[in-house]
Amino acid sequence: MKKVIFTAAILIACLSFKSANAQLHISLGVNISNQPEWGPTGYDHADYYYMPDIGVYYDVPAHVYVYQSNNVWVRRSSLPDQYRNYDLYHGYKVVVNEQRPWRHDADFRNRYAVYRGRHDQEVIRDSHDDKYREHWHDNGRHNGENKHDDNGNGHGHGHGNGHGNGHDRGGHGDGN
């Protein structure tokens, strides 16, 4: 009887693991079509870009920037005024695949400080790879054509223990 119970427990554990694995696969699916033309090449999936030059995050699926304004994290459709002329096509972007990475902003600032001032990253617009044919076009939200969208945008607070690593095309986290 113990062997039957033990075998049943193992079978249930395996099925649970397979189900969790399937959910993970779905959440990490391809989202190339959501990535802007100024996004870095080489990533089939990106939740956020972190821009070390200006300390701003870009939410790829929502197409909004996340940055601090008056010590509060805000989500806006454009960069803050002081970065309105920032060149998104030539600034380095780190892909971060975790929820609300700004909760670990000090860690990201330190970890990716070596990428400040780098301008050698290929962007989707300049790639000849067919997988980027259907990328998202940002309709002029880059070089100085920023319009603030202050309606209904929230901000995030919180603490967590997830850490992402965009440089190696990975990134993981378990913070909420």
N, C-alpha and C. Protein backbone atom coordinates (compact mmCIF):
# COMPACT_ATOMS: atom_id res chain seq x y z
N MET A 1 0.82 -1.20 0.00
CA MET A 1 0.00 0.00 0.00
C MET A 1 0.87 1.26 0.00
N LYS A 2 1.98 1.22 0.74
CA LYS A 2 2.87 2.38 0.78
C LYS A 2 3.44 2.68 -0.60
N LYS A 3 3.73 1.64 -1.38
CA LYS A 3 4.28 1.84 -2.72
C LYS A 3 3.26 2.51 -3.63
N VAL A 4 1.99 2.15 -3.49
CA VAL A 4 0.94 2.76 -4.32
C VAL A 4 0.80 4.24 -3.97
N ILE A 5 0.78 4.55 -2.70
CA ILE A 5 0.66 5.94 -2.26
C ILE A 5 1.88 6.74 -2.70
N PHE A 6 3.06 6.16 -2.55
CA PHE A 6 4.30 6.83 -2.96
C PHE A 6 4.30 7.07 -4.47
N THR A 7 3.89 6.08 -5.25
CA THR A 7 3.83 6.22 -6.71
C THR A 7 2.81 7.28 -7.11
N ALA A 8 1.66 7.29 -6.44
CA ALA A 8 0.64 8.30 -6.72
C ALA A 8 1.16 9.70 -6.39
N ALA A 9 1.88 9.83 -5.30
CA ALA A 9 2.43 11.13 -4.91
C ALA A 9 3.44 11.62 -5.95
N ILE A 10 4.28 10.72 -6.44
CA ILE A 10 5.27 11.09 -7.46
C ILE A 10 4.55 11.50 -8.75
N LEU A 11 3.53 10.74 -9.15
CA LEU A 11 2.78 11.05 -10.35
C LEU A 11 2.12 12.43 -10.26
N ILE A 12 1.51 12.71 -9.13
CA ILE A 12 0.87 14.01 -8.92
C ILE A 12 1.91 15.12 -8.95
N ALA A 13 3.05 14.90 -8.33
CA ALA A 13 4.12 15.90 -8.34
C ALA A 13 4.61 16.16 -9.76
N CYS A 14 4.77 15.11 -10.55
CA CYS A 14 5.21 15.27 -11.94
C CYS A 14 4.19 16.04 -12.77
N LEU A 15 2.92 15.72 -12.59
CA LEU A 15 1.88 16.42 -13.33
C LEU A 15 1.83 17.90 -12.92
N SER A 16 2.00 18.17 -11.64
CA SER A 16 2.01 19.55 -11.17
C SER A 16 3.19 20.31 -11.76
N PHE A 17 4.35 19.67 -11.80
CA PHE A 17 5.54 20.31 -12.37
C PHE A 17 5.33 20.58 -13.85
N LYS A 18 4.75 19.62 -14.57
CA LYS A 18 4.51 19.79 -16.01
C LYS A 18 3.55 20.95 -16.23
N SER A 19 2.52 21.07 -15.40
CA SER A 19 1.56 22.15 -15.52
C SER A 19 2.23 23.51 -15.24
N ALA A 20 3.05 23.57 -14.20
CA ALA A 20 3.76 24.81 -13.88
C ALA A 20 4.73 25.16 -15.00
N ASN A 21 5.37 24.18 -15.57
CA ASN A 21 6.30 24.40 -16.67
C ASN A 21 5.57 24.96 -17.88
N ALA A 22 4.38 24.46 -18.17
CA ALA A 22 3.58 24.95 -19.29
C ALA A 22 3.18 26.41 -19.06
N GLN A 23 2.81 26.77 -17.83
CA GLN A 23 2.46 28.14 -17.52
C GLN A 23 3.66 29.06 -17.69
N LEU A 24 4.83 28.61 -17.28
CA LEU A 24 6.04 29.40 -17.43
C LEU A 24 6.33 29.62 -18.90
N HIS A 25 6.16 28.60 -19.71
CA HIS A 25 6.42 28.72 -21.15
C HIS A 25 5.49 29.75 -21.79
N ILE A 26 4.25 29.74 -21.37
CA ILE A 26 3.29 30.70 -21.93
C ILE A 26 3.67 32.12 -21.54
N SER A 27 4.07 32.34 -20.30
CA SER A 27 4.38 33.69 -19.87
C SER A 27 5.69 34.20 -20.48
N LEU A 28 6.53 33.31 -20.94
CA LEU A 28 7.79 33.72 -21.55
C LEU A 28 7.77 33.58 -23.06
N GLY A 29 6.58 33.61 -23.66
CA GLY A 29 6.43 33.46 -25.09
C GLY A 29 7.07 34.59 -25.88
N VAL A 30 7.07 34.45 -27.17
CA VAL A 30 7.65 35.43 -28.07
C VAL A 30 6.79 36.69 -28.09
N ASN A 31 7.42 37.86 -27.99
CA ASN A 31 6.69 39.12 -28.10
C ASN A 31 7.45 40.12 -28.98
N ILE A 32 8.07 39.63 -30.02
CA ILE A 32 8.84 40.50 -30.92
C ILE A 32 7.96 41.60 -31.49
N SER A 33 6.71 41.30 -31.80
CA SER A 33 5.84 42.30 -32.41
C SER A 33 5.53 43.46 -31.46
N ASN A 34 5.71 43.28 -30.15
CA ASN A 34 5.50 44.37 -29.19
C ASN A 34 6.73 45.23 -29.01
N GLN A 35 7.88 44.76 -29.46
CA GLN A 35 9.11 45.50 -29.22
C GLN A 35 9.24 46.66 -30.21
N PRO A 36 9.64 47.82 -29.72
CA PRO A 36 9.76 49.00 -30.61
C PRO A 36 10.96 48.87 -31.54
N GLU A 37 10.95 49.64 -32.59
CA GLU A 37 12.02 49.56 -33.59
C GLU A 37 13.37 49.99 -33.02
N TRP A 38 13.38 50.71 -31.90
CA TRP A 38 14.64 51.10 -31.26
C TRP A 38 15.10 50.08 -30.22
N GLY A 39 14.34 48.98 -30.07
CA GLY A 39 14.73 47.94 -29.13
C GLY A 39 15.92 47.14 -29.63
N PRO A 40 16.64 46.48 -28.73
CA PRO A 40 17.81 45.71 -29.14
C PRO A 40 17.43 44.42 -29.86
N THR A 41 18.26 43.99 -30.79
CA THR A 41 18.03 42.72 -31.49
C THR A 41 18.49 41.57 -30.61
N GLY A 42 18.04 40.37 -30.98
CA GLY A 42 18.51 39.16 -30.30
C GLY A 42 17.60 38.65 -29.21
N TYR A 43 16.45 39.26 -29.01
CA TYR A 43 15.56 38.87 -27.93
C TYR A 43 14.18 38.54 -28.49
N ASP A 44 13.77 37.29 -28.33
CA ASP A 44 12.43 36.90 -28.76
C ASP A 44 11.38 37.38 -27.77
N HIS A 45 11.79 37.66 -26.55
CA HIS A 45 10.87 38.12 -25.51
C HIS A 45 11.55 39.18 -24.67
N ALA A 46 10.83 40.24 -24.37
CA ALA A 46 11.32 41.28 -23.47
C ALA A 46 10.14 41.87 -22.72
N ASP A 47 10.22 41.85 -21.39
CA ASP A 47 9.20 42.50 -20.58
C ASP A 47 9.52 43.99 -20.42
N TYR A 48 10.78 44.28 -20.10
CA TYR A 48 11.22 45.65 -19.89
C TYR A 48 12.59 45.85 -20.52
N TYR A 49 12.88 47.10 -20.85
CA TYR A 49 14.24 47.52 -21.16
C TYR A 49 14.66 48.45 -20.03
N TYR A 50 15.88 48.29 -19.58
CA TYR A 50 16.46 49.25 -18.64
C TYR A 50 17.50 50.05 -19.42
N MET A 51 17.44 51.37 -19.31
CA MET A 51 18.36 52.25 -20.03
C MET A 51 19.33 52.87 -19.03
N PRO A 52 20.54 52.30 -18.92
CA PRO A 52 21.50 52.75 -17.91
C PRO A 52 21.92 54.22 -18.05
N ASP A 53 21.90 54.76 -19.26
CA ASP A 53 22.30 56.16 -19.45
C ASP A 53 21.40 57.13 -18.70
N ILE A 54 20.12 56.79 -18.60
CA ILE A 54 19.16 57.73 -18.02
C ILE A 54 18.38 57.16 -16.84
N GLY A 55 18.62 55.89 -16.49
CA GLY A 55 17.95 55.29 -15.34
C GLY A 55 16.46 55.13 -15.50
N VAL A 56 16.02 54.85 -16.73
CA VAL A 56 14.60 54.73 -17.04
C VAL A 56 14.32 53.31 -17.52
N TYR A 57 13.14 52.80 -17.20
CA TYR A 57 12.69 51.50 -17.67
C TYR A 57 11.63 51.72 -18.75
N TYR A 58 11.54 50.78 -19.66
CA TYR A 58 10.49 50.83 -20.69
C TYR A 58 9.71 49.54 -20.61
N ASP A 59 8.41 49.64 -20.39
CA ASP A 59 7.51 48.49 -20.32
C ASP A 59 7.13 48.12 -21.75
N VAL A 60 7.71 47.04 -22.26
CA VAL A 60 7.54 46.66 -23.67
C VAL A 60 6.08 46.36 -24.01
N PRO A 61 5.39 45.48 -23.28
CA PRO A 61 4.00 45.18 -23.66
C PRO A 61 3.06 46.40 -23.58
N ALA A 62 3.27 47.27 -22.60
CA ALA A 62 2.38 48.42 -22.41
C ALA A 62 2.84 49.65 -23.20
N HIS A 63 4.05 49.64 -23.72
CA HIS A 63 4.60 50.76 -24.49
C HIS A 63 4.64 52.05 -23.67
N VAL A 64 5.10 51.95 -22.42
CA VAL A 64 5.24 53.13 -21.57
C VAL A 64 6.59 53.10 -20.86
N TYR A 65 7.04 54.30 -20.50
CA TYR A 65 8.28 54.46 -19.73
C TYR A 65 7.93 54.47 -18.25
N VAL A 66 8.84 53.94 -17.44
CA VAL A 66 8.66 53.93 -15.99
C VAL A 66 9.89 54.61 -15.40
N TYR A 67 9.64 55.68 -14.63
CA TYR A 67 10.74 56.43 -14.04
C TYR A 67 10.24 57.16 -12.81
N GLN A 68 11.21 57.67 -12.04
CA GLN A 68 10.85 58.40 -10.83
C GLN A 68 10.54 59.85 -11.14
N SER A 69 9.45 60.33 -10.57
CA SER A 69 9.07 61.73 -10.64
C SER A 69 8.64 62.14 -9.24
N ASN A 70 9.35 63.08 -8.64
CA ASN A 70 9.09 63.49 -7.26
C ASN A 70 9.11 62.29 -6.31
N ASN A 71 10.10 61.43 -6.48
CA ASN A 71 10.33 60.26 -5.63
C ASN A 71 9.21 59.21 -5.70
N VAL A 72 8.44 59.24 -6.77
CA VAL A 72 7.39 58.25 -6.99
C VAL A 72 7.59 57.65 -8.38
N TRP A 73 7.48 56.34 -8.48
CA TRP A 73 7.60 55.68 -9.79
C TRP A 73 6.32 55.92 -10.58
N VAL A 74 6.45 56.46 -11.79
CA VAL A 74 5.31 56.78 -12.64
C VAL A 74 5.45 56.06 -13.97
N ARG A 75 4.34 55.88 -14.64
CA ARG A 75 4.28 55.25 -15.97
C ARG A 75 3.76 56.31 -16.94
N ARG A 76 4.56 56.60 -17.98
CA ARG A 76 4.19 57.64 -18.93
C ARG A 76 4.47 57.17 -20.35
N SER A 77 3.76 57.76 -21.29
CA SER A 77 3.93 57.40 -22.70
C SER A 77 5.17 58.06 -23.31
N SER A 78 5.81 58.95 -22.57
CA SER A 78 7.00 59.61 -23.09
C SER A 78 8.05 59.72 -21.99
N LEU A 79 9.26 60.01 -22.41
CA LEU A 79 10.35 60.20 -21.46
C LEU A 79 10.14 61.50 -20.69
N PRO A 80 10.77 61.62 -19.51
CA PRO A 80 10.68 62.89 -18.79
C PRO A 80 11.33 64.02 -19.60
N ASP A 81 10.91 65.24 -19.32
CA ASP A 81 11.38 66.39 -20.10
C ASP A 81 12.90 66.48 -20.18
N GLN A 82 13.61 66.16 -19.10
CA GLN A 82 15.06 66.30 -19.13
C GLN A 82 15.72 65.31 -20.10
N TYR A 83 14.99 64.29 -20.53
CA TYR A 83 15.54 63.31 -21.48
C TYR A 83 14.79 63.33 -22.82
N ARG A 84 14.06 64.37 -23.10
CA ARG A 84 13.26 64.42 -24.32
C ARG A 84 14.10 64.30 -25.59
N ASN A 85 15.38 64.65 -25.53
CA ASN A 85 16.25 64.54 -26.70
C ASN A 85 17.15 63.31 -26.64
N TYR A 86 16.90 62.43 -25.71
CA TYR A 86 17.70 61.21 -25.59
C TYR A 86 17.50 60.34 -26.84
N ASP A 87 18.56 59.84 -27.39
CA ASP A 87 18.52 59.03 -28.61
C ASP A 87 18.30 57.56 -28.26
N LEU A 88 17.06 57.12 -28.35
CA LEU A 88 16.71 55.73 -28.02
C LEU A 88 17.37 54.72 -28.96
N TYR A 89 17.67 55.12 -30.17
CA TYR A 89 18.26 54.21 -31.14
C TYR A 89 19.71 53.90 -30.84
N HIS A 90 20.41 54.80 -30.16
CA HIS A 90 21.83 54.59 -29.92
C HIS A 90 22.18 54.33 -28.47
N GLY A 91 21.28 54.61 -27.54
CA GLY A 91 21.53 54.31 -26.14
C GLY A 91 21.39 52.82 -25.88
N TYR A 92 22.15 52.32 -24.94
CA TYR A 92 22.15 50.89 -24.63
C TYR A 92 20.91 50.52 -23.83
N LYS A 93 20.30 49.39 -24.18
CA LYS A 93 19.14 48.88 -23.47
C LYS A 93 19.45 47.49 -22.94
N VAL A 94 19.13 47.25 -21.67
CA VAL A 94 19.28 45.94 -21.05
C VAL A 94 17.89 45.32 -20.96
N VAL A 95 17.73 44.11 -21.47
CA VAL A 95 16.44 43.42 -21.39
C VAL A 95 16.30 42.83 -19.99
N VAL A 96 15.16 43.12 -19.37
CA VAL A 96 14.87 42.64 -18.02
C VAL A 96 13.54 41.91 -18.06
N ASN A 97 13.54 40.65 -17.69
CA ASN A 97 12.31 39.87 -17.68
C ASN A 97 11.92 39.51 -16.25
N GLU A 98 11.38 40.48 -15.58
CA GLU A 98 10.82 40.28 -14.25
C GLU A 98 9.77 41.35 -14.02
N GLN A 99 8.91 41.12 -13.06
CA GLN A 99 7.86 42.08 -12.77
C GLN A 99 8.42 43.26 -11.98
N ARG A 100 8.03 44.45 -12.35
CA ARG A 100 8.39 45.69 -11.66
C ARG A 100 9.88 45.77 -11.28
N PRO A 101 10.75 45.77 -12.27
CA PRO A 101 12.18 45.76 -11.97
C PRO A 101 12.67 47.00 -11.22
N TRP A 102 11.95 48.11 -11.30
CA TRP A 102 12.35 49.33 -10.61
C TRP A 102 12.41 49.16 -9.11
N ARG A 103 11.80 48.10 -8.59
CA ARG A 103 11.90 47.83 -7.15
C ARG A 103 13.34 47.51 -6.75
N HIS A 104 14.15 47.15 -7.72
CA HIS A 104 15.56 46.81 -7.48
C HIS A 104 16.45 47.80 -8.23
N ASP A 105 16.00 49.05 -8.29
CA ASP A 105 16.67 50.05 -9.10
C ASP A 105 18.13 50.23 -8.71
N ALA A 106 18.43 50.28 -7.44
CA ALA A 106 19.83 50.47 -7.02
C ALA A 106 20.70 49.33 -7.54
N ASP A 107 20.17 48.12 -7.50
CA ASP A 107 20.90 46.96 -8.01
C ASP A 107 21.14 47.09 -9.52
N PHE A 108 20.11 47.49 -10.27
CA PHE A 108 20.25 47.65 -11.71
C PHE A 108 21.23 48.77 -12.05
N ARG A 109 21.14 49.88 -11.33
CA ARG A 109 22.06 50.99 -11.59
C ARG A 109 23.51 50.56 -11.40
N ASN A 110 23.76 49.81 -10.34
CA ASN A 110 25.13 49.34 -10.08
C ASN A 110 25.56 48.27 -11.08
N ARG A 111 24.72 47.30 -11.31
CA ARG A 111 25.06 46.17 -12.16
C ARG A 111 25.32 46.59 -13.61
N TYR A 112 24.53 47.53 -14.12
CA TYR A 112 24.62 47.89 -15.53
C TYR A 112 25.27 49.25 -15.78
N ALA A 113 25.95 49.78 -14.78
CA ALA A 113 26.66 51.06 -14.96
C ALA A 113 27.72 50.95 -16.05
N VAL A 114 28.28 49.78 -16.27
CA VAL A 114 29.33 49.60 -17.29
C VAL A 114 28.79 49.83 -18.70
N TYR A 115 27.47 49.83 -18.89
CA TYR A 115 26.89 50.04 -20.21
C TYR A 115 26.56 51.50 -20.50
N ARG A 116 26.77 52.37 -19.51
CA ARG A 116 26.52 53.80 -19.75
C ARG A 116 27.47 54.30 -20.82
N GLY A 117 26.92 55.03 -21.76
CA GLY A 117 27.75 55.60 -22.82
C GLY A 117 28.05 54.65 -23.97
N ARG A 118 27.60 53.41 -23.89
CA ARG A 118 27.82 52.48 -25.00
C ARG A 118 26.81 52.74 -26.10
N HIS A 119 27.29 52.67 -27.33
CA HIS A 119 26.42 52.95 -28.48
C HIS A 119 26.62 51.91 -29.56
N ASP A 120 26.95 50.69 -29.17
CA ASP A 120 27.29 49.65 -30.15
C ASP A 120 26.24 48.54 -30.24
N GLN A 121 25.05 48.79 -29.75
CA GLN A 121 24.01 47.77 -29.74
C GLN A 121 23.14 47.88 -30.99
N GLU A 122 22.99 46.78 -31.71
CA GLU A 122 22.13 46.79 -32.90
C GLU A 122 20.67 46.89 -32.48
N VAL A 123 19.91 47.72 -33.20
CA VAL A 123 18.49 47.88 -32.89
C VAL A 123 17.66 47.21 -33.98
N ILE A 124 16.42 46.92 -33.64
CA ILE A 124 15.51 46.21 -34.53
C ILE A 124 15.37 46.92 -35.87
N ARG A 125 15.26 48.23 -35.86
CA ARG A 125 15.12 48.99 -37.11
C ARG A 125 16.23 48.68 -38.10
N ASP A 126 17.45 48.47 -37.62
CA ASP A 126 18.61 48.28 -38.48
C ASP A 126 18.90 46.82 -38.80
N SER A 127 18.10 45.91 -38.27
CA SER A 127 18.32 44.49 -38.50
C SER A 127 17.70 44.05 -39.83
N HIS A 128 18.35 43.10 -40.46
CA HIS A 128 17.81 42.53 -41.70
C HIS A 128 17.19 41.16 -41.46
N ASP A 129 17.06 40.79 -40.19
CA ASP A 129 16.47 39.51 -39.83
C ASP A 129 14.96 39.56 -40.06
N ASP A 130 14.42 38.57 -40.78
CA ASP A 130 12.99 38.53 -41.11
C ASP A 130 12.09 38.50 -39.88
N LYS A 131 12.59 38.01 -38.75
CA LYS A 131 11.72 37.90 -37.57
C LYS A 131 11.31 39.27 -37.04
N TYR A 132 11.98 40.34 -37.47
CA TYR A 132 11.65 41.68 -37.00
C TYR A 132 10.76 42.46 -37.96
N ARG A 133 10.28 41.84 -39.02
CA ARG A 133 9.44 42.55 -39.99
C ARG A 133 8.18 43.12 -39.36
N GLU A 134 7.63 42.44 -38.38
CA GLU A 134 6.35 42.86 -37.78
C GLU A 134 6.52 43.49 -36.41
N HIS A 135 7.63 44.21 -36.18
CA HIS A 135 7.83 44.85 -34.88
C HIS A 135 6.89 46.04 -34.71
N TRP A 136 6.76 46.47 -33.49
CA TRP A 136 5.87 47.58 -33.15
C TRP A 136 6.53 48.90 -33.53
N HIS A 137 5.78 49.79 -34.18
CA HIS A 137 6.27 51.13 -34.53
C HIS A 137 5.77 52.10 -33.47
N ASP A 138 6.68 52.92 -32.96
CA ASP A 138 6.31 53.78 -31.84
C ASP A 138 5.73 55.13 -32.25
N ASN A 139 5.47 55.34 -33.51
CA ASN A 139 4.77 56.54 -33.98
C ASN A 139 5.36 57.86 -33.48
N GLY A 140 6.67 57.99 -33.56
CA GLY A 140 7.31 59.26 -33.26
C GLY A 140 7.51 59.59 -31.80
N ARG A 141 7.49 58.63 -30.91
CA ARG A 141 7.68 58.92 -29.50
C ARG A 141 9.16 58.95 -29.11
N HIS A 142 10.04 59.08 -30.06
CA HIS A 142 11.45 59.04 -29.71
C HIS A 142 12.09 60.42 -29.76
N ASN A 143 12.65 60.85 -30.78
CA ASN A 143 13.52 62.02 -30.81
C ASN A 143 12.79 63.34 -30.57
N GLY A 144 12.51 63.65 -29.31
CA GLY A 144 11.99 64.96 -28.96
C GLY A 144 10.52 65.17 -29.22
N GLU A 145 9.79 64.17 -29.64
CA GLU A 145 8.38 64.33 -29.93
C GLU A 145 7.53 63.76 -28.80
N ASN A 146 7.98 63.93 -27.58
CA ASN A 146 7.31 63.33 -26.44
C ASN A 146 6.08 64.14 -26.05
N LYS A 147 5.04 63.43 -25.74
CA LYS A 147 3.83 64.04 -25.22
C LYS A 147 3.51 63.35 -23.90
N HIS A 148 3.33 64.12 -22.86
CA HIS A 148 3.05 63.52 -21.56
C HIS A 148 1.62 63.01 -21.51
N ASP A 149 1.47 61.86 -20.91
CA ASP A 149 0.15 61.28 -20.72
C ASP A 149 -0.05 61.09 -19.22
N ASP A 150 -0.63 62.06 -18.59
CA ASP A 150 -0.80 62.02 -17.15
C ASP A 150 -2.15 61.47 -16.72
N ASN A 151 -2.95 61.00 -17.66
CA ASN A 151 -4.29 60.54 -17.33
C ASN A 151 -4.29 59.06 -16.98
N GLY A 152 -4.66 58.76 -15.76
CA GLY A 152 -4.88 57.38 -15.37
C GLY A 152 -3.64 56.53 -15.24
N ASN A 153 -2.47 57.10 -15.22
CA ASN A 153 -1.27 56.30 -15.06
C ASN A 153 -0.93 56.17 -13.60
N GLY A 154 -0.69 54.96 -13.18
CA GLY A 154 -0.40 54.70 -11.78
C GLY A 154 1.08 54.68 -11.52
N HIS A 155 1.44 54.24 -10.35
CA HIS A 155 2.83 54.11 -9.99
C HIS A 155 2.99 52.85 -9.16
N GLY A 156 4.20 52.38 -9.09
CA GLY A 156 4.44 51.14 -8.37
C GLY A 156 5.28 51.36 -7.14
N HIS A 157 4.94 50.67 -6.09
CA HIS A 157 5.73 50.66 -4.86
C HIS A 157 5.95 49.20 -4.51
N GLY A 158 6.83 48.97 -3.58
CA GLY A 158 6.93 47.62 -3.08
C GLY A 158 8.35 47.15 -2.96
N HIS A 159 8.47 45.98 -2.38
CA HIS A 159 9.76 45.35 -2.19
C HIS A 159 9.66 43.92 -2.66
N GLY A 160 10.74 43.39 -3.10
CA GLY A 160 10.73 42.00 -3.57
C GLY A 160 12.14 41.49 -3.61
N ASN A 161 12.30 40.27 -4.06
CA ASN A 161 13.64 39.71 -4.10
C ASN A 161 13.98 39.14 -5.46
N GLY A 162 13.33 39.57 -6.50
CA GLY A 162 13.65 39.09 -7.84
C GLY A 162 14.80 39.87 -8.43
N HIS A 163 15.58 39.23 -9.24
CA HIS A 163 16.69 39.89 -9.92
C HIS A 163 16.67 39.47 -11.36
N GLY A 164 16.88 40.40 -12.24
CA GLY A 164 16.88 40.10 -13.67
C GLY A 164 18.25 40.32 -14.26
N ASN A 165 18.51 39.65 -15.33
CA ASN A 165 19.76 39.84 -16.04
C ASN A 165 19.45 39.90 -17.51
N GLY A 166 19.35 41.08 -18.02
CA GLY A 166 18.99 41.24 -19.42
C GLY A 166 20.15 41.01 -20.36
N HIS A 167 21.38 41.20 -19.88
CA HIS A 167 22.50 41.10 -20.79
C HIS A 167 22.64 39.70 -21.37
N ASP A 168 22.32 38.69 -20.58
CA ASP A 168 22.45 37.33 -21.10
C ASP A 168 21.14 36.79 -21.64
N ARG A 169 20.23 37.71 -22.00
CA ARG A 169 18.94 37.37 -22.57
C ARG A 169 18.08 36.54 -21.65
N GLY A 170 18.37 36.58 -20.40
CA GLY A 170 17.59 35.81 -19.46
C GLY A 170 16.78 36.74 -18.62
N GLY A 171 16.96 36.62 -17.38
CA GLY A 171 16.22 37.44 -16.46
C GLY A 171 15.20 36.57 -15.76
N HIS A 172 15.16 36.72 -14.48
CA HIS A 172 14.20 35.94 -13.73
C HIS A 172 13.87 36.74 -12.48
N GLY A 173 12.87 36.35 -11.83
CA GLY A 173 12.53 37.03 -10.60
C GLY A 173 11.34 36.37 -9.95
N ASP A 174 11.31 36.50 -8.64
CA ASP A 174 10.16 35.96 -7.94
C ASP A 174 9.55 37.02 -7.04
N GLY A 175 9.93 38.26 -7.23
CA GLY A 175 9.31 39.34 -6.47
C GLY A 175 8.02 39.77 -7.13
N ASN A 176 7.08 40.21 -6.35
CA ASN A 176 5.80 40.67 -6.91
C ASN A 176 5.62 42.13 -6.67
